Amino acid sequence: MSLAETLAPTASADAMEKVRAALAAKPDGVIEAVAREHGVSTLAVLEATPNEQRRFIAAERFEALWQELSGWGTVLFIVHTPDIVLECEGSLPVGSFGHGYYNIHGDSPIGGHIKAGNCKAIYLVDRQFHGRRSCSVQFFNGAGEAMFKVFVRRDEARDLLADQVARFEALKASFG
């Protein structure tokens, strides 16, 4: 049984076959769009991608991973719901637990309170997106939906920032 089935066991075999066909037809498509089209969780679609495109990190590593990401400099922070794709560039402030949240505050446009206890899985995702390599760290809740994502940024030429790619690769070795 996959982690997606454990977290949100609603995907039928027929739906997952359609998901795999959709990914085969457009391997660089938007994971959330495929999920919504086929009535499955975002995590179920992610887990249908080839193994080399994703690396699981246990949710218990949330704080250690966040601390590592806070040293990356300016990243692209995305929250993708059915109603909005919110993109914010900024550094991830070092956080701390309090009052049931992981609280992040600092000199960054990224701040607030994360219900870290709702995080049930984290994935390092390295796949094509609209024909270009995309590297991200994605945090999933118990329903198999992305809470938020942290992406390696691009430069003016739309190339991934080399120093952040190196840090992303290092995450694969140390957290994967």
Foldseek 3Di string as FASTA:
>chain_A
DDPQCVLAVPQDPVLLVVLLVVCVVPVQEDLVVSCVVSVGASQSSVVSHDPVFKDKFFLVCVLVVLVLQLPPFWWWKWDDDPVDTDTFTGGWARFDDDPQWTFTDDDIPDTDTHNSVQFGIKMFGWGHHPRDTWTKIFTAGSNRYTRMIITQAADPVRHGDPVVVVSSVVCNVVRD
